[in-house]
Protein backbone atom coordinates (compact mmCIF):
# COMPACT_ATOMS: atom_id res chain seq x y z
CA MET A 1 -26.02 -55.76 12.92
CA ARG A 2 -27.50 -52.30 12.41
CA VAL A 3 -26.63 -51.29 15.96
CA ILE A 4 -23.02 -52.38 15.51
CA LEU A 5 -22.74 -50.50 12.17
CA LEU A 6 -24.16 -47.26 13.59
CA ALA A 7 -21.84 -47.45 16.56
CA ALA A 8 -18.87 -47.83 14.26
CA LEU A 9 -19.93 -44.76 12.26
CA PHE A 10 -20.28 -42.59 15.39
CA VAL A 11 -16.83 -43.65 16.56
CA ALA A 12 -15.26 -42.91 13.17
CA ALA A 13 -16.96 -39.53 12.69
CA PRO A 14 -14.70 -37.54 15.08
CA ALA A 15 -11.64 -38.95 13.37
CA PHE A 16 -12.82 -37.68 9.98
CA ALA A 17 -13.84 -34.31 11.44
CA GLN A 18 -10.39 -33.78 12.91
CA ALA A 19 -8.47 -34.70 9.78
CA PRO A 20 -5.81 -32.06 9.06
CA ASP A 21 -6.50 -29.60 6.25
CA SER A 22 -3.44 -28.22 4.48
CA THR A 23 -5.40 -25.14 3.38
CA HIS A 24 -6.84 -24.26 6.79
CA ALA A 25 -5.71 -20.93 8.20
CA LEU A 26 -4.38 -20.55 11.72
CA SER A 27 -6.33 -18.65 14.35
CA HIS A 28 -5.52 -14.97 14.70
CA ALA A 29 -3.66 -15.60 17.94
CA ASP A 30 -1.34 -17.95 16.03
CA ALA A 31 -0.83 -15.61 13.08
CA PRO A 32 2.81 -15.06 12.04
CA LYS A 33 4.84 -12.23 13.53
CA ILE A 34 7.48 -9.92 12.16
CA HIS A 35 9.73 -8.07 14.60
CA ALA A 36 10.60 -4.44 13.89
CA LEU A 37 14.09 -3.30 14.80
CA GLN A 38 14.27 0.13 16.40
CA THR A 39 17.04 2.29 14.99
CA SER A 40 18.34 5.84 15.02
CA GLU A 41 20.60 5.32 11.99
CA HIS A 42 20.06 7.26 8.79
CA ILE A 43 18.64 5.11 6.00
CA LYS A 44 19.61 6.15 2.49
CA LEU A 45 16.69 5.22 0.28
CA ASP A 46 18.25 3.66 -2.83
CA GLY A 47 16.69 0.20 -3.02
CA LYS A 48 19.96 -1.59 -2.18
CA LEU A 49 19.46 -2.54 1.50
CA ASP A 50 23.20 -2.18 2.08
CA GLU A 51 23.15 -0.31 5.41
CA PRO A 52 24.50 -2.55 8.23
CA VAL A 53 21.29 -2.11 10.23
CA TRP A 54 19.32 -4.07 7.63
CA SER A 55 21.39 -7.19 8.34
CA LYS A 56 20.61 -6.83 12.06
CA ALA A 57 16.85 -6.88 11.51
CA GLN A 58 15.16 -10.27 11.77
CA PRO A 59 13.79 -11.30 8.35
CA VAL A 60 10.62 -13.25 7.63
CA ASP A 61 10.51 -15.58 4.64
CA GLY A 62 7.55 -17.89 5.24
CA PHE A 63 5.36 -16.75 2.36
CA THR A 64 2.62 -19.14 1.20
CA GLN A 65 0.94 -19.38 -2.19
CA HIS A 66 -2.65 -18.25 -2.50
CA ASP A 67 -2.56 -18.89 -6.27
CA PRO A 68 -2.06 -21.04 -8.25
CA GLU A 69 -1.02 -23.86 -5.85
CA GLU A 70 -2.88 -22.94 -2.70
CA GLY A 71 -1.05 -23.71 0.52
CA LYS A 72 2.38 -24.37 -1.01
CA PRO A 73 5.47 -22.23 -0.31
CA VAL A 74 6.18 -19.32 -2.62
CA SER A 75 8.15 -20.52 -5.66
CA GLU A 76 10.76 -17.75 -5.37
CA ARG A 77 12.41 -16.98 -2.05
CA THR A 78 11.12 -13.80 -0.40
CA GLU A 79 12.61 -11.96 2.60
CA VAL A 80 11.25 -8.88 4.35
CA ARG A 81 12.76 -6.81 7.16
CA ILE A 82 11.27 -3.84 9.03
CA LEU A 83 12.94 -0.96 10.86
CA VAL A 84 11.27 1.74 12.93
CA GLY A 85 12.98 5.10 13.31
CA GLU A 86 12.09 8.17 15.30
CA ASP A 87 9.53 9.35 12.76
CA ALA A 88 9.26 6.71 10.02
CA LEU A 89 8.74 3.04 9.29
CA TYR A 90 11.24 1.40 6.90
CA VAL A 91 10.47 -1.77 4.97
CA GLY A 92 13.12 -3.70 3.05
CA ALA A 93 12.00 -6.51 0.76
CA ARG A 94 14.41 -8.82 -1.07
CA LEU A 95 12.46 -10.63 -3.77
CA PHE A 96 14.71 -13.35 -5.14
CA ASP A 97 14.15 -14.61 -8.68
CA ARG A 98 16.10 -17.37 -10.42
CA GLU A 99 15.26 -15.77 -13.78
CA PRO A 100 15.84 -12.04 -13.24
CA GLY A 101 15.63 -11.40 -16.97
CA LYS A 102 12.00 -12.45 -16.88
CA ILE A 103 10.96 -10.09 -14.08
CA ARG A 104 8.04 -8.08 -15.42
CA ARG A 105 8.06 -4.36 -14.79
CA ARG A 106 5.90 -1.50 -16.02
CA LEU A 107 6.43 2.23 -15.62
CA VAL A 108 3.09 3.93 -14.94
CA ARG A 109 1.78 6.96 -13.12
CA ARG A 110 0.82 6.78 -9.47
CA ASP A 111 -2.31 4.74 -8.73
CA GLU A 112 -2.54 3.34 -12.26
CA ASN A 113 -2.67 -0.41 -12.98
CA LEU A 114 0.80 -1.84 -12.25
CA ALA A 115 0.20 -4.92 -14.47
CA SER A 116 3.55 -6.45 -13.47
CA ASP A 117 5.33 -8.11 -10.57
CA TYR A 118 4.73 -6.28 -7.30
CA PHE A 119 5.26 -6.26 -3.55
CA ALA A 120 2.41 -5.04 -1.33
CA LEU A 121 2.44 -3.94 2.30
CA LEU A 122 -0.86 -3.68 4.21
CA LEU A 123 -0.98 -2.13 7.68
CA ASP A 124 -3.76 -2.28 10.24
CA SER A 125 -2.16 0.44 12.37
CA TYR A 126 -5.11 0.70 14.77
CA HIS A 127 -5.04 -3.10 15.12
CA ASP A 128 -8.83 -2.96 15.08
CA HIS A 129 -9.14 -5.73 12.43
CA LEU A 130 -11.23 -3.37 10.30
CA THR A 131 -9.25 -0.79 8.32
CA THR A 132 -6.04 -0.95 6.32
CA TYR A 133 -3.44 1.26 4.65
CA ARG A 134 -2.00 -0.37 1.52
CA PHE A 135 1.34 0.47 -0.14
CA ARG A 136 2.33 -1.35 -3.34
CA VAL A 137 5.35 -1.12 -5.67
CA ASN A 138 6.62 -2.90 -8.78
CA PRO A 139 10.23 -3.53 -9.97
CA ALA A 140 10.19 -0.38 -12.11
CA GLY A 141 9.50 1.78 -9.04
CA SER A 142 5.89 2.53 -10.00
CA TYR A 143 3.60 2.50 -7.01
CA ASP A 144 0.09 2.95 -5.73
CA ASP A 145 -1.50 3.43 -2.33
CA CYS A 146 -5.01 3.33 -0.94
CA TYR A 147 -7.08 3.25 2.22
CA ILE A 148 -9.28 0.17 2.68
CA ASP A 149 -12.31 0.68 4.89
CA SER A 150 -14.19 -1.85 7.01
CA ARG A 151 -16.36 -2.83 4.04
CA GLY A 152 -13.34 -3.65 1.91
CA SER A 153 -13.71 -0.62 -0.39
CA ASN A 154 -10.49 0.88 -1.77
CA ASP A 155 -10.11 4.67 -1.57
CA PHE A 156 -7.39 5.75 -4.02
CA SER A 157 -7.97 9.43 -3.25
CA TRP A 158 -5.87 8.88 -0.11
CA ASP A 159 -2.42 10.02 -1.25
CA PRO A 160 0.08 9.92 1.61
CA VAL A 161 3.60 11.31 1.33
CA TRP A 162 5.98 8.35 1.28
CA GLU A 163 8.98 7.17 -0.72
CA VAL A 164 10.13 3.91 -2.26
CA ARG A 165 13.13 2.87 -4.35
CA THR A 166 13.70 -0.36 -6.24
CA THR A 167 16.62 -2.11 -7.94
CA ILE A 168 16.93 -5.18 -10.15
CA ASP A 169 20.08 -7.30 -9.98
CA SER A 170 21.31 -10.84 -10.66
CA LEU A 171 19.47 -12.18 -7.59
CA GLY A 172 16.07 -10.68 -8.36
CA TRP A 173 14.79 -7.31 -7.19
CA THR A 174 14.52 -5.28 -4.01
CA ALA A 175 12.14 -2.64 -2.65
CA GLU A 176 13.02 -0.14 0.07
CA MET A 177 10.14 1.87 1.57
CA GLU A 178 10.08 4.85 3.90
CA ILE A 179 6.64 5.58 5.37
CA PRO A 180 6.53 8.61 7.70
CA LEU A 181 4.55 7.86 10.86
CA SER A 182 2.78 11.19 10.34
CA GLN A 183 0.97 9.66 7.35
CA LEU A 184 -0.63 6.94 9.45
CA ARG A 185 -3.22 7.00 12.20
CA TYR A 186 -2.62 4.86 15.27
CA ASN A 187 -2.96 4.82 19.03
CA PRO A 188 0.40 5.85 20.51
CA GLY A 189 1.49 3.83 23.48
CA PRO A 190 4.19 1.51 24.79
CA ASP A 191 4.83 -1.80 23.02
CA ALA A 192 2.49 -1.03 20.12
CA VAL A 193 1.32 -3.95 17.97
CA TRP A 194 -0.06 -3.49 14.45
CA GLY A 195 -1.72 -5.87 12.06
CA ILE A 196 0.35 -6.56 8.95
CA GLN A 197 -0.05 -8.41 5.68
CA MET A 198 2.47 -8.65 2.85
CA ARG A 199 1.87 -10.04 -0.61
CA ARG A 200 4.06 -10.86 -3.58
CA TRP A 201 2.76 -11.19 -7.13
CA ILE A 202 4.91 -12.92 -9.77
CA ASP A 203 3.23 -11.95 -13.00
CA ARG A 204 4.69 -14.49 -15.43
CA LYS A 205 3.61 -17.31 -13.11
CA GLN A 206 0.30 -15.71 -12.12
CA GLU A 207 1.39 -16.45 -8.57
CA LEU A 208 0.20 -14.65 -5.45
CA ALA A 209 1.89 -15.39 -2.12
CA GLU A 210 1.03 -14.07 1.34
CA PHE A 211 2.87 -13.56 4.61
CA SER A 212 -0.24 -14.45 6.65
CA PHE A 213 -1.87 -17.18 4.62
CA VAL A 214 -5.65 -17.15 4.23
CA PRO A 215 -7.39 -19.94 2.25
CA LYS A 216 -9.52 -19.00 -0.73
CA ASN A 217 -12.70 -20.19 0.96
CA GLU A 218 -12.22 -17.76 3.87
CA THR A 219 -12.46 -13.98 4.04
CA SER A 220 -9.07 -12.32 3.57
CA ASP A 221 -9.50 -9.09 5.51
CA ALA A 222 -7.67 -7.25 8.27
CA SER A 223 -8.83 -9.75 10.88
CA ARG A 224 -6.57 -12.37 9.27
CA TYR A 225 -3.36 -10.32 9.18
CA GLY A 226 -0.17 -11.19 11.01
CA HIS A 227 1.39 -9.09 13.76
CA LEU A 228 4.02 -6.35 13.57
CA VAL A 229 5.63 -6.29 17.01
CA ASP A 230 8.51 -4.56 18.85
CA LEU A 231 7.51 -1.12 17.58
CA GLY A 232 8.26 0.33 21.02
CA GLN A 233 6.95 3.67 22.16
CA LEU A 234 5.64 5.42 19.06
CA PRO A 235 5.34 9.22 18.99
CA SER A 236 1.94 10.85 18.82
CA PRO A 237 0.93 11.56 15.21
CA LYS A 238 1.40 15.12 14.03
CA HIS A 239 -1.78 17.17 14.24
CA LEU A 240 -1.25 19.62 11.38
CA GLU A 241 -0.12 19.14 7.77
CA ILE A 242 -0.23 21.71 4.98
CA LEU A 243 0.44 20.87 1.34
CA PRO A 244 0.70 24.01 -0.84
CA TYR A 245 0.36 23.80 -4.60
CA SER A 246 0.35 26.02 -7.67
CA LEU A 247 -1.47 25.80 -10.98
CA ALA A 248 -0.66 27.37 -14.33
CA LYS A 249 -2.80 27.09 -17.47
CA ALA A 250 -2.46 28.46 -20.99
CA HIS A 251 -5.14 28.41 -23.68
CA TYR A 252 -4.38 29.44 -27.27
CA HIS A 253 -7.14 30.00 -29.82
CA LYS A 254 -8.00 31.90 -32.98
CA VAL A 255 -9.63 35.32 -32.72
CA ASP A 256 -11.40 37.53 -35.22
CA SER A 257 -9.39 40.30 -36.77
CA GLY A 258 -9.75 43.54 -34.83
CA ASP A 259 -11.20 41.91 -31.69
CA PRO A 260 -10.26 44.38 -28.90
CA PHE A 261 -11.04 41.92 -26.08
CA GLN A 262 -8.98 38.86 -27.03
CA ASN A 263 -5.43 38.37 -28.31
CA GLY A 264 -5.47 34.63 -28.90
CA SER A 265 -4.00 33.48 -25.60
CA ASP A 266 -5.35 33.12 -22.09
CA ARG A 267 -2.97 32.50 -19.19
CA VAL A 268 -4.13 31.75 -15.68
CA GLY A 269 -2.19 31.09 -12.49
CA SER A 270 -3.38 30.32 -9.00
CA LEU A 271 -2.20 29.14 -5.61
CA GLY A 272 -3.88 26.90 -3.09
CA ALA A 273 -3.29 24.43 -0.30
CA ASP A 274 -4.66 21.25 1.24
CA LEU A 275 -4.83 21.10 5.02
CA LYS A 276 -5.16 18.16 7.41
CA TYR A 277 -5.71 18.75 11.10
CA GLY A 278 -5.90 15.84 13.55
CA LEU A 279 -8.69 16.55 16.00
CA THR A 280 -8.20 13.19 17.75
CA SER A 281 -6.23 10.01 17.05
CA ASN A 282 -9.02 8.75 14.78
CA LEU A 283 -10.67 11.96 13.53
CA THR A 284 -9.07 14.24 10.95
CA LEU A 285 -10.37 17.49 9.50
CA ASP A 286 -9.60 17.93 5.78
CA GLY A 287 -9.72 21.38 4.21
CA THR A 288 -8.79 23.03 0.93
CA VAL A 289 -7.99 26.65 0.14
CA ASN A 290 -8.70 27.82 -3.42
CA PRO A 291 -9.41 24.41 -5.02
CA ASP A 292 -9.45 23.85 -8.77
CA PHE A 293 -12.80 22.28 -9.66
CA GLY A 294 -11.94 21.39 -13.26
CA GLN A 295 -12.39 23.05 -16.60
CA VAL A 296 -16.04 24.18 -16.55
CA GLU A 297 -16.19 27.94 -16.90
CA VAL A 298 -18.64 30.65 -17.88
CA ASP A 299 -17.69 33.02 -20.68
CA PRO A 300 -19.56 36.34 -20.13
CA ALA A 301 -18.74 37.55 -23.64
CA VAL A 302 -20.63 34.64 -25.19
CA GLY A 303 -23.13 34.14 -22.41
CA ARG A 304 -23.06 30.35 -22.29
CA SER A 305 -21.28 27.61 -20.40
CA CYS A 306 -18.55 25.73 -22.15
CA SER A 307 -15.94 23.11 -21.36
CA ARG A 308 -12.48 24.25 -22.38
CA ALA A 309 -9.65 21.81 -22.82
CA PRO A 310 -6.42 23.82 -22.96
CA ARG A 311 -4.01 22.79 -25.69
CA THR A 312 -1.03 23.31 -23.46
CA ALA A 313 -0.85 23.18 -19.71
CA SER A 314 1.85 22.96 -17.09
């Protein structure tokens, strides 16, 4: 009897091991794809996606919930299209919502907490399954961006030059992004393929949906992204970028009567520039001319260090 029972268990074990799991992610080779449409048309960035070329691009809409109902389709329809121009990548997202009046938006400064609905684009432009550029925007047009290294650390000091516009209408909201290729690092070549992930957060539902679904019990990093294909022959990244800037400060304070050295106001102006020079496709030299290192100064008249917070500044 024991021999018969053990035999039955060994026969049944493979059947249980191969039972389908609705929250199991596909292998990377089977990850979803989004096809970029190459175009030479001018895209007016207004968040409306009304240029004819947008309708020609093949959309993806298979977003899957990560939270709260893992593995189920996103509760609000989501469509994304991608165009690639001569020097920029364009992303058009139509985020449908059956209750547009309940779309949560928040106007904040760049790289501050969006705390609202948002759409996020993550690009593994080297397709090395290690590093990522992230671009994120909410319905109010507030946005943030960061570089994610191979350890998963977010670097918000990376501030690329890119543009995004959003609109809210009776169908939901839209986001239209323009990301210059000069702001990304990649290996130029024919038929380039990048890793891509897209996420949608619906704040009132506390719902997070992904383009390339990854279960909660598995690591959600660049190795699990989908594929951005049909990019064609990309140009070599630009090797030199210069960002000039100016700074003006004014400090008003009380002075003693008859003081010949101070008149109650200090005005300071300066010029500087940040420089980026691409030594190779994956090595960039960063430099700064005449940086502003904050407010710590030395006052020779008093002979001590002090931290001055100007009352007015521009």
